């Protein structure tokens, strides 16, 4: 959660207060999909 919010804040150069994200993972638990809402 910390890595995700930090990465979004770096991308938009603004703080993120509310975030809902769904991550899809493969069999090695690597991210294959990301969707949701950040502020």
ModelCIF file with pLDDT and N, C-alpha, C, O atoms, coordinates in Angstrom:
data_MODEL
#
_entry.id   MODEL 
#
_entity.id                         1 
_entity.type                       polymer 
_entity.pdbx_number_of_molecules   1 
#
_entity_poly.entity_id                      1 
_entity_poly.type                           'polypeptide(L)' 
_entity_poly.nstd_linkage                   no 
_entity_poly.nstd_monomer                   no 
_entity_poly.pdbx_seq_one_letter_code       
;(UNK)(UNK)(UNK)(UNK)(UNK)(UNK)(UNK)(UNK)(UNK)(UNK)(UNK)(UNK)(UNK)(UNK)(UNK)(UNK)
(UNK)(UNK)(UNK)(UNK)(UNK)(UNK)(UNK)(UNK)(UNK)(UNK)(UNK)(UNK)(UNK)(UNK)(UNK)(UNK)
(UNK)(UNK)(UNK)(UNK)(UNK)(UNK)(UNK)
;
_entity_poly.pdbx_seq_one_letter_code_can   XXXXXXXXXXXXXXXXXXXXXXXXXXXXXXXXXXXXXXX 
_entity_poly.pdbx_strand_id                 A 
#
loop_
_entity_poly_seq.entity_id 
_entity_poly_seq.num 
_entity_poly_seq.mon_id 
_entity_poly_seq.hetero 
1 1  UNK n 
1 2  UNK n 
1 3  UNK n 
1 4  UNK n 
1 5  UNK n 
1 6  UNK n 
1 7  UNK n 
1 8  UNK n 
1 9  UNK n 
1 10 UNK n 
1 11 UNK n 
1 12 UNK n 
1 13 UNK n 
1 14 UNK n 
1 15 UNK n 
1 16 UNK n 
1 17 UNK n 
1 18 UNK n 
1 19 UNK n 
1 20 UNK n 
1 21 UNK n 
1 22 UNK n 
1 23 UNK n 
1 24 UNK n 
1 25 UNK n 
1 26 UNK n 
1 27 UNK n 
1 28 UNK n 
1 29 UNK n 
1 30 UNK n 
1 31 UNK n 
1 32 UNK n 
1 33 UNK n 
1 34 UNK n 
1 35 UNK n 
1 36 UNK n 
1 37 UNK n 
1 38 UNK n 
1 39 UNK n 
#
_struct_asym.id          A 
_struct_asym.entity_id   1 
#
loop_
_ma_qa_metric.id 
_ma_qa_metric.mode 
_ma_qa_metric.name 
_ma_qa_metric.software_group_id 
_ma_qa_metric.type 
1 global pLDDT . pLDDT 
2 local  pLDDT . pLDDT 
#
_ma_qa_metric_global.metric_id      1 
_ma_qa_metric_global.metric_value   94.38 
_ma_qa_metric_global.model_id       1 
_ma_qa_metric_global.ordinal_id     1 
#
loop_
_ma_qa_metric_local.label_asym_id 
_ma_qa_metric_local.label_comp_id 
_ma_qa_metric_local.label_seq_id 
_ma_qa_metric_local.metric_id 
_ma_qa_metric_local.metric_value 
_ma_qa_metric_local.model_id 
_ma_qa_metric_local.ordinal_id 
A UNK 1  2 93.00 1 1  
A UNK 2  2 93.00 1 2  
A UNK 3  2 95.00 1 3  
A UNK 4  2 95.00 1 4  
A UNK 5  2 95.00 1 5  
A UNK 6  2 95.00 1 6  
A UNK 7  2 96.00 1 7  
A UNK 8  2 95.00 1 8  
A UNK 9  2 95.00 1 9  
A UNK 10 2 95.00 1 10 
A UNK 11 2 95.00 1 11 
A UNK 12 2 94.00 1 12 
A UNK 13 2 95.00 1 13 
A UNK 14 2 94.00 1 14 
A UNK 15 2 95.00 1 15 
A UNK 16 2 95.00 1 16 
A UNK 17 2 94.00 1 17 
A UNK 18 2 94.00 1 18 
A UNK 19 2 95.00 1 19 
A UNK 20 2 95.00 1 20 
A UNK 21 2 95.00 1 21 
A UNK 22 2 95.00 1 22 
A UNK 23 2 95.00 1 23 
A UNK 24 2 94.00 1 24 
A UNK 25 2 95.00 1 25 
A UNK 26 2 94.00 1 26 
A UNK 27 2 91.00 1 27 
A UNK 28 2 92.00 1 28 
A UNK 29 2 94.00 1 29 
A UNK 30 2 94.00 1 30 
A UNK 31 2 95.00 1 31 
A UNK 32 2 94.00 1 32 
A UNK 33 2 94.00 1 33 
A UNK 34 2 94.00 1 34 
A UNK 35 2 94.00 1 35 
A UNK 36 2 94.00 1 36 
A UNK 37 2 95.00 1 37 
A UNK 38 2 95.00 1 38 
A UNK 39 2 94.00 1 39 
#
loop_
_atom_site.group_PDB 
_atom_site.id 
_atom_site.type_symbol 
_atom_site.label_atom_id 
_atom_site.label_alt_id 
_atom_site.label_comp_id 
_atom_site.label_asym_id 
_atom_site.label_entity_id 
_atom_site.label_seq_id 
_atom_site.pdbx_PDB_ins_code 
_atom_site.Cartn_x 
_atom_site.Cartn_y 
_atom_site.Cartn_z 
_atom_site.occupancy 
_atom_site.B_iso_or_equiv 
_atom_site.pdbx_formal_charge 
_atom_site.auth_seq_id 
_atom_site.auth_comp_id 
_atom_site.auth_asym_id 
_atom_site.auth_atom_id 
_atom_site.pdbx_PDB_model_num 
ATOM 1   N N  . UNK A 1 1  ? 0.827   -1.210  0.000   1.00 93.00 ? 1  UNK A N  1 
ATOM 2   C CA . UNK A 1 1  ? 0.000   0.000   0.000   1.00 93.00 ? 1  UNK A CA 1 
ATOM 3   C C  . UNK A 1 1  ? 0.863   1.263   0.000   1.00 93.00 ? 1  UNK A C  1 
ATOM 4   O O  . UNK A 1 1  ? 0.563   2.220   -0.713  1.00 93.00 ? 1  UNK A O  1 
ATOM 5   N N  . UNK A 1 2  ? 1.925   1.265   0.793   1.00 93.00 ? 2  UNK A N  1 
ATOM 6   C CA . UNK A 1 2  ? 2.811   2.428   0.840   1.00 93.00 ? 2  UNK A CA 1 
ATOM 7   C C  . UNK A 1 2  ? 3.504   2.648   -0.500  1.00 93.00 ? 2  UNK A C  1 
ATOM 8   O O  . UNK A 1 2  ? 3.594   3.777   -0.982  1.00 93.00 ? 2  UNK A O  1 
ATOM 9   N N  . UNK A 1 3  ? 3.996   1.554   -1.104  1.00 95.00 ? 3  UNK A N  1 
ATOM 10  C CA . UNK A 1 3  ? 4.668   1.673   -2.398  1.00 95.00 ? 3  UNK A CA 1 
ATOM 11  C C  . UNK A 1 3  ? 3.711   2.183   -3.465  1.00 95.00 ? 3  UNK A C  1 
ATOM 12  O O  . UNK A 1 3  ? 4.082   3.014   -4.294  1.00 95.00 ? 3  UNK A O  1 
ATOM 13  N N  . UNK A 1 4  ? 2.474   1.682   -3.442  1.00 95.00 ? 4  UNK A N  1 
ATOM 14  C CA . UNK A 1 4  ? 1.496   2.071   -4.449  1.00 95.00 ? 4  UNK A CA 1 
ATOM 15  C C  . UNK A 1 4  ? 1.118   3.547   -4.314  1.00 95.00 ? 4  UNK A C  1 
ATOM 16  O O  . UNK A 1 4  ? 1.129   4.286   -5.298  1.00 95.00 ? 4  UNK A O  1 
ATOM 17  N N  . UNK A 1 5  ? 0.788   3.967   -3.108  1.00 95.00 ? 5  UNK A N  1 
ATOM 18  C CA . UNK A 1 5  ? 0.389   5.360   -2.936  1.00 95.00 ? 5  UNK A CA 1 
ATOM 19  C C  . UNK A 1 5  ? 1.550   6.309   -3.244  1.00 95.00 ? 5  UNK A C  1 
ATOM 20  O O  . UNK A 1 5  ? 1.351   7.350   -3.870  1.00 95.00 ? 5  UNK A O  1 
ATOM 21  N N  . UNK A 1 6  ? 2.753   5.953   -2.808  1.00 95.00 ? 6  UNK A N  1 
ATOM 22  C CA . UNK A 1 6  ? 3.917   6.785   -3.090  1.00 95.00 ? 6  UNK A CA 1 
ATOM 23  C C  . UNK A 1 6  ? 4.148   6.925   -4.586  1.00 95.00 ? 6  UNK A C  1 
ATOM 24  O O  . UNK A 1 6  ? 4.461   8.013   -5.070  1.00 95.00 ? 6  UNK A O  1 
ATOM 25  N N  . UNK A 1 7  ? 3.993   5.808   -5.332  1.00 96.00 ? 7  UNK A N  1 
ATOM 26  C CA . UNK A 1 7  ? 4.207   5.857   -6.780  1.00 96.00 ? 7  UNK A CA 1 
ATOM 27  C C  . UNK A 1 7  ? 3.182   6.728   -7.488  1.00 96.00 ? 7  UNK A C  1 
ATOM 28  O O  . UNK A 1 7  ? 3.514   7.432   -8.442  1.00 96.00 ? 7  UNK A O  1 
ATOM 29  N N  . UNK A 1 8  ? 1.938   6.684   -7.027  1.00 95.00 ? 8  UNK A N  1 
ATOM 30  C CA . UNK A 1 8  ? 0.894   7.520   -7.630  1.00 95.00 ? 8  UNK A CA 1 
ATOM 31  C C  . UNK A 1 8  ? 1.146   8.994   -7.316  1.00 95.00 ? 8  UNK A C  1 
ATOM 32  O O  . UNK A 1 8  ? 0.977   9.862   -8.173  1.00 95.00 ? 8  UNK A O  1 
ATOM 33  N N  . UNK A 1 9  ? 1.549   9.259   -6.084  1.00 95.00 ? 9  UNK A N  1 
ATOM 34  C CA . UNK A 1 9  ? 1.834   10.647  -5.709  1.00 95.00 ? 9  UNK A CA 1 
ATOM 35  C C  . UNK A 1 9  ? 3.022   11.202  -6.491  1.00 95.00 ? 9  UNK A C  1 
ATOM 36  O O  . UNK A 1 9  ? 3.013   12.371  -6.874  1.00 95.00 ? 9  UNK A O  1 
ATOM 37  N N  . UNK A 1 10 ? 4.033   10.390  -6.731  1.00 95.00 ? 10 UNK A N  1 
ATOM 38  C CA . UNK A 1 10 ? 5.174   10.827  -7.530  1.00 95.00 ? 10 UNK A CA 1 
ATOM 39  C C  . UNK A 1 10 ? 4.756   11.097  -8.970  1.00 95.00 ? 10 UNK A C  1 
ATOM 40  O O  . UNK A 1 10 ? 5.219   12.053  -9.593  1.00 95.00 ? 10 UNK A O  1 
ATOM 41  N N  . UNK A 1 11 ? 3.881   10.252  -9.490  1.00 95.00 ? 11 UNK A N  1 
ATOM 42  C CA . UNK A 1 11 ? 3.448   10.404  -10.882 1.00 95.00 ? 11 UNK A CA 1 
ATOM 43  C C  . UNK A 1 11 ? 2.659   11.692  -11.091 1.00 95.00 ? 11 UNK A C  1 
ATOM 44  O O  . UNK A 1 11 ? 2.823   12.359  -12.113 1.00 95.00 ? 11 UNK A O  1 
ATOM 45  N N  . UNK A 1 12 ? 1.806   12.047  -10.134 1.00 94.00 ? 12 UNK A N  1 
ATOM 46  C CA . UNK A 1 12 ? 0.955   13.231  -10.296 1.00 94.00 ? 12 UNK A CA 1 
ATOM 47  C C  . UNK A 1 12 ? 1.452   14.444  -9.524  1.00 94.00 ? 12 UNK A C  1 
ATOM 48  O O  . UNK A 1 12 ? 0.856   15.517  -9.614  1.00 94.00 ? 12 UNK A O  1 
ATOM 49  N N  . UNK A 1 13 ? 2.549   14.289  -8.756  1.00 95.00 ? 13 UNK A N  1 
ATOM 50  C CA . UNK A 1 13 ? 3.121   15.394  -7.960  1.00 95.00 ? 13 UNK A CA 1 
ATOM 51  C C  . UNK A 1 13 ? 2.085   16.014  -7.032  1.00 95.00 ? 13 UNK A C  1 
ATOM 52  O O  . UNK A 1 13 ? 2.011   17.233  -6.880  1.00 95.00 ? 13 UNK A O  1 
ATOM 53  N N  . UNK A 1 14 ? 1.301   15.161  -6.425  1.00 94.00 ? 14 UNK A N  1 
ATOM 54  C CA . UNK A 1 14 ? 0.269   15.615  -5.486  1.00 94.00 ? 14 UNK A CA 1 
ATOM 55  C C  . UNK A 1 14 ? -0.021  14.497  -4.503  1.00 94.00 ? 14 UNK A C  1 
ATOM 56  O O  . UNK A 1 14 ? 0.135   13.316  -4.813  1.00 94.00 ? 14 UNK A O  1 
ATOM 57  N N  . UNK A 1 15 ? -0.448  14.893  -3.310  1.00 95.00 ? 15 UNK A N  1 
ATOM 58  C CA . UNK A 1 15 ? -0.754  13.907  -2.277  1.00 95.00 ? 15 UNK A CA 1 
ATOM 59  C C  . UNK A 1 15 ? -2.029  13.145  -2.619  1.00 95.00 ? 15 UNK A C  1 
ATOM 60  O O  . UNK A 1 15 ? -2.927  13.674  -3.274  1.00 95.00 ? 15 UNK A O  1 
ATOM 61  N N  . UNK A 1 16 ? -2.094  11.902  -2.168  1.00 95.00 ? 16 UNK A N  1 
ATOM 62  C CA . UNK A 1 16 ? -3.272  11.054  -2.330  1.00 95.00 ? 16 UNK A CA 1 
ATOM 63  C C  . UNK A 1 16 ? -3.813  10.711  -0.949  1.00 95.00 ? 16 UNK A C  1 
ATOM 64  O O  . UNK A 1 16 ? -3.099  10.153  -0.116  1.00 95.00 ? 16 UNK A O  1 
ATOM 65  N N  . UNK A 1 17 ? -5.067  11.044  -0.713  1.00 94.00 ? 17 UNK A N  1 
ATOM 66  C CA . UNK A 1 17 ? -5.699  10.759  0.578   1.00 94.00 ? 17 UNK A CA 1 
ATOM 67  C C  . UNK A 1 17 ? -6.536  9.497   0.540   1.00 94.00 ? 17 UNK A C  1 
ATOM 68  O O  . UNK A 1 17 ? -6.487  8.694   1.471   1.00 94.00 ? 17 UNK A O  1 
ATOM 69  N N  . UNK A 1 18 ? -7.304  9.311   -0.522  1.00 94.00 ? 18 UNK A N  1 
ATOM 70  C CA . UNK A 1 18 ? -8.195  8.144   -0.636  1.00 94.00 ? 18 UNK A CA 1 
ATOM 71  C C  . UNK A 1 18 ? -7.862  7.359   -1.894  1.00 94.00 ? 18 UNK A C  1 
ATOM 72  O O  . UNK A 1 18 ? -7.749  7.905   -2.992  1.00 94.00 ? 18 UNK A O  1 
ATOM 73  N N  . UNK A 1 19 ? -7.713  6.076   -1.694  1.00 95.00 ? 19 UNK A N  1 
ATOM 74  C CA . UNK A 1 19 ? -7.273  5.226   -2.794  1.00 95.00 ? 19 UNK A CA 1 
ATOM 75  C C  . UNK A 1 19 ? -7.924  3.851   -2.668  1.00 95.00 ? 19 UNK A C  1 
ATOM 76  O O  . UNK A 1 19 ? -7.884  3.231   -1.605  1.00 95.00 ? 19 UNK A O  1 
ATOM 77  N N  . UNK A 1 20 ? -8.514  3.390   -3.741  1.00 95.00 ? 20 UNK A N  1 
ATOM 78  C CA . UNK A 1 20 ? -9.034  2.027   -3.820  1.00 95.00 ? 20 UNK A CA 1 
ATOM 79  C C  . UNK A 1 20 ? -8.460  1.388   -5.070  1.00 95.00 ? 20 UNK A C  1 
ATOM 80  O O  . UNK A 1 20 ? -8.701  1.865   -6.179  1.00 95.00 ? 20 UNK A O  1 
ATOM 81  N N  . UNK A 1 21 ? -7.698  0.307   -4.899  1.00 95.00 ? 21 UNK A N  1 
ATOM 82  C CA . UNK A 1 21 ? -7.001  -0.318  -6.020  1.00 95.00 ? 21 UNK A CA 1 
ATOM 83  C C  . UNK A 1 21 ? -7.161  -1.833  -5.940  1.00 95.00 ? 21 UNK A C  1 
ATOM 84  O O  . UNK A 1 21 ? -7.061  -2.427  -4.867  1.00 95.00 ? 21 UNK A O  1 
ATOM 85  N N  . UNK A 1 22 ? -7.411  -2.442  -7.091  1.00 95.00 ? 22 UNK A N  1 
ATOM 86  C CA . UNK A 1 22 ? -7.429  -3.896  -7.204  1.00 95.00 ? 22 UNK A CA 1 
ATOM 87  C C  . UNK A 1 22 ? -6.246  -4.329  -8.051  1.00 95.00 ? 22 UNK A C  1 
ATOM 88  O O  . UNK A 1 22 ? -6.060  -3.849  -9.170  1.00 95.00 ? 22 UNK A O  1 
ATOM 89  N N  . UNK A 1 23 ? -5.441  -5.245  -7.507  1.00 95.00 ? 23 UNK A N  1 
ATOM 90  C CA . UNK A 1 23 ? -4.284  -5.789  -8.217  1.00 95.00 ? 23 UNK A CA 1 
ATOM 91  C C  . UNK A 1 23 ? -4.566  -7.225  -8.620  1.00 95.00 ? 23 UNK A C  1 
ATOM 92  O O  . UNK A 1 23 ? -4.983  -8.036  -7.794  1.00 95.00 ? 23 UNK A O  1 
ATOM 93  N N  . UNK A 1 24 ? -4.339  -7.544  -9.897  1.00 94.00 ? 24 UNK A N  1 
ATOM 94  C CA . UNK A 1 24 ? -4.388  -8.932  -10.352 1.00 94.00 ? 24 UNK A CA 1 
ATOM 95  C C  . UNK A 1 24 ? -2.968  -9.474  -10.363 1.00 94.00 ? 24 UNK A C  1 
ATOM 96  O O  . UNK A 1 24 ? -2.039  -8.797  -10.803 1.00 94.00 ? 24 UNK A O  1 
ATOM 97  N N  . UNK A 1 25 ? -2.805  -10.712 -9.872  1.00 95.00 ? 25 UNK A N  1 
ATOM 98  C CA . UNK A 1 25 ? -1.475  -11.307 -9.743  1.00 95.00 ? 25 UNK A CA 1 
ATOM 99  C C  . UNK A 1 25 ? -1.377  -12.605 -10.522 1.00 95.00 ? 25 UNK A C  1 
ATOM 100 O O  . UNK A 1 25 ? -2.360  -13.336 -10.645 1.00 95.00 ? 25 UNK A O  1 
ATOM 101 N N  . UNK A 1 26 ? -0.177  -12.898 -11.056 1.00 94.00 ? 26 UNK A N  1 
ATOM 102 C CA . UNK A 1 26 ? 0.035   -14.178 -11.717 1.00 94.00 ? 26 UNK A CA 1 
ATOM 103 C C  . UNK A 1 26 ? 0.444   -15.225 -10.680 1.00 94.00 ? 26 UNK A C  1 
ATOM 104 O O  . UNK A 1 26 ? 0.415   -14.948 -9.481  1.00 94.00 ? 26 UNK A O  1 
ATOM 105 N N  . UNK A 1 27 ? 0.822   -16.407 -11.124 1.00 91.00 ? 27 UNK A N  1 
ATOM 106 C CA . UNK A 1 27 ? 1.127   -17.495 -10.196 1.00 91.00 ? 27 UNK A CA 1 
ATOM 107 C C  . UNK A 1 27 ? 2.392   -17.242 -9.394  1.00 91.00 ? 27 UNK A C  1 
ATOM 108 O O  . UNK A 1 27 ? 2.604   -17.881 -8.364  1.00 91.00 ? 27 UNK A O  1 
ATOM 109 N N  . UNK A 1 28 ? 3.243   -16.317 -9.848  1.00 92.00 ? 28 UNK A N  1 
ATOM 110 C CA . UNK A 1 28 ? 4.436   -15.942 -9.087  1.00 92.00 ? 28 UNK A CA 1 
ATOM 111 C C  . UNK A 1 28 ? 4.185   -14.680 -8.268  1.00 92.00 ? 28 UNK A C  1 
ATOM 112 O O  . UNK A 1 28 ? 5.121   -14.075 -7.744  1.00 92.00 ? 28 UNK A O  1 
ATOM 113 N N  . UNK A 1 29 ? 2.910   -14.283 -8.158  1.00 94.00 ? 29 UNK A N  1 
ATOM 114 C CA . UNK A 1 29 ? 2.489   -13.118 -7.382  1.00 94.00 ? 29 UNK A CA 1 
ATOM 115 C C  . UNK A 1 29 ? 3.087   -11.810 -7.909  1.00 94.00 ? 29 UNK A C  1 
ATOM 116 O O  . UNK A 1 29 ? 3.439   -10.917 -7.137  1.00 94.00 ? 29 UNK A O  1 
ATOM 117 N N  . UNK A 1 30 ? 3.194   -11.715 -9.234  1.00 94.00 ? 30 UNK A N  1 
ATOM 118 C CA . UNK A 1 30 ? 3.597   -10.475 -9.873  1.00 94.00 ? 30 UNK A CA 1 
ATOM 119 C C  . UNK A 1 30 ? 2.352   -9.768  -10.410 1.00 94.00 ? 30 UNK A C  1 
ATOM 120 O O  . UNK A 1 30 ? 1.376   -10.416 -10.789 1.00 94.00 ? 30 UNK A O  1 
ATOM 121 N N  . UNK A 1 31 ? 2.396   -8.442  -10.438 1.00 95.00 ? 31 UNK A N  1 
ATOM 122 C CA . UNK A 1 31 ? 1.237   -7.652  -10.852 1.00 95.00 ? 31 UNK A CA 1 
ATOM 123 C C  . UNK A 1 31 ? 1.013   -7.798  -12.356 1.00 95.00 ? 31 UNK A C  1 
ATOM 124 O O  . UNK A 1 31 ? 1.917   -7.546  -13.153 1.00 95.00 ? 31 UNK A O  1 
ATOM 125 N N  . UNK A 1 32 ? -0.188  -8.204  -12.734 1.00 94.00 ? 32 UNK A N  1 
ATOM 126 C CA . UNK A 1 32 ? -0.564  -8.295  -14.152 1.00 94.00 ? 32 UNK A CA 1 
ATOM 127 C C  . UNK A 1 32 ? -1.673  -7.316  -14.508 1.00 94.00 ? 32 UNK A C  1 
ATOM 128 O O  . UNK A 1 32 ? -1.965  -7.115  -15.687 1.00 94.00 ? 32 UNK A O  1 
ATOM 129 N N  . UNK A 1 33 ? -2.288  -6.710  -13.515 1.00 94.00 ? 33 UNK A N  1 
ATOM 130 C CA . UNK A 1 33 ? -3.349  -5.745  -13.780 1.00 94.00 ? 33 UNK A CA 1 
ATOM 131 C C  . UNK A 1 33 ? -3.570  -4.845  -12.588 1.00 94.00 ? 33 UNK A C  1 
ATOM 132 O O  . UNK A 1 33 ? -3.391  -5.255  -11.441 1.00 94.00 ? 33 UNK A O  1 
ATOM 133 N N  . UNK A 1 34 ? -3.969  -3.593  -12.870 1.00 94.00 ? 34 UNK A N  1 
ATOM 134 C CA . UNK A 1 34 ? -4.200  -2.614  -11.811 1.00 94.00 ? 34 UNK A CA 1 
ATOM 135 C C  . UNK A 1 34 ? -5.372  -1.735  -12.217 1.00 94.00 ? 34 UNK A C  1 
ATOM 136 O O  . UNK A 1 34 ? -5.389  -1.187  -13.319 1.00 94.00 ? 34 UNK A O  1 
ATOM 137 N N  . UNK A 1 35 ? -6.353  -1.600  -11.329 1.00 94.00 ? 35 UNK A N  1 
ATOM 138 C CA . UNK A 1 35 ? -7.512  -0.748  -11.604 1.00 94.00 ? 35 UNK A CA 1 
ATOM 139 C C  . UNK A 1 35 ? -7.995  -0.144  -10.305 1.00 94.00 ? 35 UNK A C  1 
ATOM 140 O O  . UNK A 1 35 ? -7.684  -0.647  -9.225  1.00 94.00 ? 35 UNK A O  1 
ATOM 141 N N  . UNK A 1 36 ? -8.761  0.941   -10.405 1.00 94.00 ? 36 UNK A N  1 
ATOM 142 C CA . UNK A 1 36 ? -9.300  1.538   -9.199  1.00 94.00 ? 36 UNK A CA 1 
ATOM 143 C C  . UNK A 1 36 ? -9.469  3.038   -9.317  1.00 94.00 ? 36 UNK A C  1 
ATOM 144 O O  . UNK A 1 36 ? -9.712  3.564   -10.402 1.00 94.00 ? 36 UNK A O  1 
ATOM 145 N N  . UNK A 1 37 ? -9.337  3.728   -8.183  1.00 95.00 ? 37 UNK A N  1 
ATOM 146 C CA . UNK A 1 37 ? -9.603  5.154   -8.102  1.00 95.00 ? 37 UNK A CA 1 
ATOM 147 C C  . UNK A 1 37 ? -8.712  5.775   -7.041  1.00 95.00 ? 37 UNK A C  1 
ATOM 148 O O  . UNK A 1 37 ? -8.587  5.247   -5.936  1.00 95.00 ? 37 UNK A O  1 
ATOM 149 N N  . UNK A 1 38 ? -8.088  6.907   -7.382  1.00 95.00 ? 38 UNK A N  1 
ATOM 150 C CA . UNK A 1 38 ? -7.237  7.634   -6.436  1.00 95.00 ? 38 UNK A CA 1 
ATOM 151 C C  . UNK A 1 38 ? -7.705  9.076   -6.384  1.00 95.00 ? 38 UNK A C  1 
ATOM 152 O O  . UNK A 1 38 ? -7.401  9.864   -7.280  1.00 95.00 ? 38 UNK A O  1 
ATOM 153 N N  . UNK A 1 39 ? -8.441  9.423   -5.341  1.00 94.00 ? 39 UNK A N  1 
ATOM 154 C CA . UNK A 1 39 ? -8.997  10.776  -5.194  1.00 94.00 ? 39 UNK A CA 1 
ATOM 155 C C  . UNK A 1 39 ? -9.768  11.203  -6.437  1.00 94.00 ? 39 UNK A C  1 
ATOM 156 O O  . UNK A 1 39 ? -10.301 12.312  -6.483  1.00 94.00 ? 39 UNK A O  1 
#
